[in-house]
Amino acid sequence: MKKVAVPSRGNMVDEHFGHCEAFTVYHIDDRNSITGKETVQSPQGCGCRSNIASDLAARGVTVMLVGGLGQGARNVLNQAGIEVYSGFSGPADEAVQRFLNGFTGDHSTCAEHQHHHQHGHGCKH
């Protein structure tokens, strides 16, 4: 079984990884079917400067689907053994299903996050 995490706000992919409300963790069986999900509350502050990567890795998460994120956050997740796929949006359940059907996102990094790391930036995830 693998686990896939999605930064979420309600049932939607939260396009601002570092300040998301929570992470929805999907349990995926060997047939690539969703067998369950759980919600992990996001820590206060910036996601790339918290322990969320190691916390999610300790829960068995190996994949993170995001709208977009900076290189710093991507590095932290990768160092924890979590592969990151960007370019996901819309309902979180549908994003995971698209991934399971073969969509691997756009692999982009938001340059605004890399250098300025501020709210209200101009990067469109």
Protein backbone atom coordinates (compact mmCIF):
# COMPACT_ATOMS: atom_id res chain seq x y z
CA MET A 1 0.00 0.00 0.00
CA LYS A 2 1.23 3.49 -0.76
CA LYS A 3 0.12 6.81 0.64
CA VAL A 4 -0.38 9.99 -1.35
CA ALA A 5 -0.77 13.38 0.35
CA VAL A 6 -2.50 16.48 -1.02
CA PRO A 7 -2.40 19.94 0.61
CA SER A 8 -6.07 20.71 1.00
CA ARG A 9 -8.64 23.29 2.03
CA GLY A 10 -11.94 21.55 2.51
CA ASN A 11 -12.15 18.98 -0.26
CA MET A 12 -10.08 21.04 -2.73
CA VAL A 13 -6.37 21.03 -3.57
CA ASP A 14 -4.97 24.06 -1.73
CA GLU A 15 -2.74 25.77 -4.26
CA HIS A 16 -0.55 27.38 -1.58
CA PHE A 17 1.33 24.41 -0.15
CA GLY A 18 3.14 26.36 2.55
CA HIS A 19 -0.02 27.71 4.15
CA CYS A 20 -2.59 25.00 3.51
CA GLU A 21 -5.30 24.16 6.02
CA ALA A 22 -4.51 20.44 6.13
CA PHE A 23 -3.08 17.51 4.21
CA THR A 24 -5.41 14.78 3.00
CA VAL A 25 -3.56 11.46 3.00
CA TYR A 26 -4.94 8.84 0.62
CA HIS A 27 -4.36 5.12 1.12
CA ILE A 28 -3.75 3.38 -2.22
CA ASP A 29 -3.81 -0.41 -2.65
CA ASP A 30 -1.75 -2.55 -5.04
CA ARG A 31 -4.43 -2.16 -7.75
CA ASN A 32 -4.08 1.66 -7.60
CA SER A 33 -7.47 2.06 -5.92
CA ILE A 34 -8.17 4.53 -3.13
CA THR A 35 -9.05 2.47 -0.06
CA GLY A 36 -9.26 5.25 2.51
CA LYS A 37 -8.12 8.70 3.51
CA GLU A 38 -7.28 10.69 6.60
CA THR A 39 -6.74 14.37 7.37
CA VAL A 40 -3.54 15.65 8.93
CA GLN A 41 -3.75 19.22 10.18
CA SER A 42 -1.11 21.57 8.82
CA PRO A 43 1.31 23.21 11.24
CA GLN A 44 1.14 26.97 11.70
CA GLY A 45 3.44 28.96 9.48
CA CYS A 46 5.39 27.93 6.44
CA GLY A 47 5.16 24.29 5.41
CA CYS A 48 8.75 24.16 4.17
CA ARG A 49 10.03 25.34 7.55
CA SER A 50 7.98 22.94 9.65
CA ASN A 51 8.34 19.25 10.42
CA ILE A 52 5.42 18.35 8.14
CA ALA A 53 7.63 16.49 5.63
CA SER A 54 9.08 14.18 8.28
CA ASP A 55 5.68 13.82 9.96
CA LEU A 56 4.04 12.76 6.68
CA ALA A 57 6.95 10.44 5.83
CA ALA A 58 6.58 8.81 9.27
CA ARG A 59 2.93 8.15 8.37
CA GLY A 60 4.08 6.33 5.22
CA VAL A 61 3.52 9.10 2.67
CA THR A 62 5.75 8.67 -0.40
CA VAL A 63 3.99 11.00 -2.89
CA MET A 64 2.79 14.63 -2.60
CA LEU A 65 0.47 16.14 -5.23
CA VAL A 66 0.51 19.96 -5.22
CA GLY A 67 -0.68 22.91 -7.24
CA GLY A 68 2.75 24.48 -7.03
CA LEU A 69 5.54 25.09 -4.54
CA GLY A 70 9.01 26.54 -4.32
CA GLN A 71 12.26 24.66 -4.64
CA GLY A 72 12.93 24.88 -0.88
CA ALA A 73 9.73 23.02 -0.02
CA ARG A 74 10.36 20.52 -2.83
CA ASN A 75 13.86 19.85 -1.43
CA VAL A 76 12.55 19.32 2.11
CA LEU A 77 9.92 16.85 0.88
CA ASN A 78 12.41 15.01 -1.35
CA GLN A 79 14.89 14.71 1.53
CA ALA A 80 12.12 13.07 3.57
CA GLY A 81 11.63 10.51 0.78
CA ILE A 82 8.48 12.11 -0.65
CA GLU A 83 8.21 12.51 -4.43
CA VAL A 84 6.52 15.77 -5.46
CA TYR A 85 4.25 16.22 -8.48
CA SER A 86 2.95 19.73 -9.24
CA GLY A 87 0.22 21.09 -11.49
CA PHE A 88 -2.76 19.61 -9.63
CA SER A 89 -5.93 21.58 -8.84
CA GLY A 90 -9.63 21.13 -8.20
CA PRO A 91 -11.21 18.52 -5.94
CA ALA A 92 -8.52 16.56 -4.08
CA ASP A 93 -10.20 13.19 -4.74
CA GLU A 94 -10.15 13.90 -8.48
CA ALA A 95 -6.51 15.04 -8.37
CA VAL A 96 -5.48 11.75 -6.79
CA GLN A 97 -7.52 9.78 -9.31
CA ARG A 98 -5.85 11.70 -12.18
CA PHE A 99 -2.46 10.79 -10.72
CA LEU A 100 -3.46 7.13 -10.40
CA ASN A 101 -4.60 7.25 -14.04
CA GLY A 102 -1.14 8.41 -15.14
CA PHE A 103 -1.11 12.24 -14.97
CA THR A 104 2.14 13.30 -13.31
CA GLY A 105 1.65 17.07 -13.42
CA ASP A 106 3.81 19.76 -14.91
CA HIS A 107 6.90 19.45 -12.65
CA SER A 108 7.21 23.24 -12.38
CA THR A 109 8.56 25.21 -9.46
CA CYS A 110 7.16 28.59 -8.51
CA ALA A 111 10.07 31.04 -8.81
CA GLU A 112 8.31 33.58 -6.60
CA HIS A 113 8.38 31.07 -3.74
CA GLN A 114 12.06 30.43 -4.33
CA HIS A 115 13.15 34.00 -3.85
CA HIS A 116 10.58 36.05 -2.00
CA HIS A 117 8.51 33.62 0.03
CA GLN A 118 5.75 36.08 0.78
CA HIS A 119 1.98 36.15 0.76
CA GLY A 120 0.21 37.75 -2.14
CA HIS A 121 2.83 36.75 -4.66
CA GLY A 122 2.12 36.73 -8.36
CA CYS A 123 2.75 33.05 -9.10
CA LYS A 124 -0.31 31.39 -10.56
CA HIS A 125 -0.23 27.73 -9.62
